[in-house]
Amino acid sequence: MTSGNTDLVVRRAVLADLDVIKIIADQNKNELGFIVRRALERSIEGNEMLVAVDDSDRLSGFLQYHHRRDGYITLYNIAVQ
């Protein structure tokens, strides 16, 4: 995946990403609404958050989702900065 001249990699989010994810969510609150920090943390802990990072590991965006019991996946939020 590329953005301009920078290659991006998608990986699972880790708790160290939480501060930047919350900043991106807050920058997009008009589109996403207010997202509680604890909800983002739970998604990370449950392995239900992906992030896009550049080759310097700078976070560019996130995708929050949920694996439902019936096998479907629900997308909650997606945002980039």
Protein backbone atom coordinates (compact mmCIF):
# COMPACT_ATOMS: atom_id res chain seq x y z
CA MET A 1 0.00 0.00 0.00
CA THR A 2 1.44 3.40 -0.87
CA SER A 3 0.56 6.97 -0.02
CA GLY A 4 2.46 9.44 -2.18
CA ASN A 5 6.05 8.24 -2.07
CA THR A 6 5.78 6.52 1.31
CA ASP A 7 5.15 2.80 1.63
CA LEU A 8 2.60 1.87 4.29
CA VAL A 9 2.29 -1.43 6.12
CA VAL A 10 -0.86 -2.65 7.85
CA ARG A 11 -0.36 -4.42 11.17
CA ARG A 12 -2.26 -5.21 14.34
CA ALA A 13 -2.39 -2.31 16.77
CA VAL A 14 -0.54 -2.52 20.08
CA LEU A 15 -1.21 -0.54 23.25
CA ALA A 16 1.74 1.73 22.43
CA ASP A 17 -0.31 2.96 19.43
CA LEU A 18 -3.27 4.05 21.58
CA ASP A 19 -2.29 7.71 22.05
CA VAL A 20 -1.89 8.32 18.31
CA ILE A 21 -5.07 6.37 17.49
CA LYS A 22 -7.00 8.56 19.95
CA ILE A 23 -5.52 11.72 18.38
CA ILE A 24 -6.60 10.57 14.90
CA ALA A 25 -10.07 9.66 16.22
CA ASP A 26 -10.40 13.09 17.84
CA GLN A 27 -9.25 14.82 14.62
CA ASN A 28 -12.12 13.02 12.86
CA LYS A 29 -14.80 13.43 15.56
CA ASN A 30 -17.16 15.26 13.18
CA GLU A 31 -17.25 12.14 11.01
CA LEU A 32 -16.84 9.45 13.69
CA GLY A 33 -18.45 11.05 16.72
CA PHE A 34 -16.77 10.91 20.12
CA ILE A 35 -14.88 7.65 20.65
CA VAL A 36 -14.11 6.68 24.24
CA ARG A 37 -10.44 5.87 24.82
CA ARG A 38 -11.35 2.69 26.72
CA ALA A 39 -13.29 1.37 23.70
CA LEU A 40 -10.18 1.81 21.55
CA GLU A 41 -8.08 0.10 24.22
CA ARG A 42 -10.46 -2.86 24.38
CA SER A 43 -10.31 -3.26 20.60
CA ILE A 44 -6.51 -3.32 20.74
CA GLU A 45 -6.53 -5.84 23.61
CA GLY A 46 -9.01 -8.00 21.69
CA ASN A 47 -6.88 -7.91 18.49
CA GLU A 48 -9.67 -6.03 16.69
CA MET A 49 -7.72 -2.96 15.61
CA LEU A 50 -5.43 -2.53 12.61
CA VAL A 51 -3.10 0.39 11.93
CA ALA A 52 -1.29 1.65 8.85
CA VAL A 53 2.30 2.70 9.53
CA ASP A 54 5.11 3.98 7.35
CA ASP A 55 8.62 2.53 7.27
CA SER A 56 9.53 4.68 10.31
CA ASP A 57 6.58 3.11 12.19
CA ARG A 58 4.67 6.44 12.17
CA LEU A 59 0.97 5.71 12.39
CA SER A 60 -1.13 7.09 9.50
CA GLY A 61 -4.55 5.58 10.24
CA PHE A 62 -6.56 2.88 11.98
CA LEU A 63 -9.41 0.44 11.43
CA GLN A 64 -11.53 -0.70 14.39
CA TYR A 65 -13.66 -3.80 13.86
CA HIS A 66 -15.33 -6.69 15.67
CA HIS A 67 -15.51 -10.42 14.90
CA ARG A 68 -19.08 -11.43 15.63
CA ARG A 69 -20.03 -14.85 16.97
CA ASP A 70 -21.96 -15.63 13.77
CA GLY A 71 -18.75 -15.27 11.74
CA TYR A 72 -19.43 -11.83 10.29
CA ILE A 73 -17.12 -8.88 10.83
CA THR A 74 -18.51 -5.47 11.81
CA LEU A 75 -16.44 -2.42 10.87
CA TYR A 76 -16.74 0.26 13.56
CA ASN A 77 -14.38 3.06 12.59
CA ILE A 78 -11.77 3.82 9.97
CA ALA A 79 -9.77 7.04 9.89
CA VAL A 80 -6.51 8.50 8.56
CA GLN A 81 -4.60 11.67 9.30
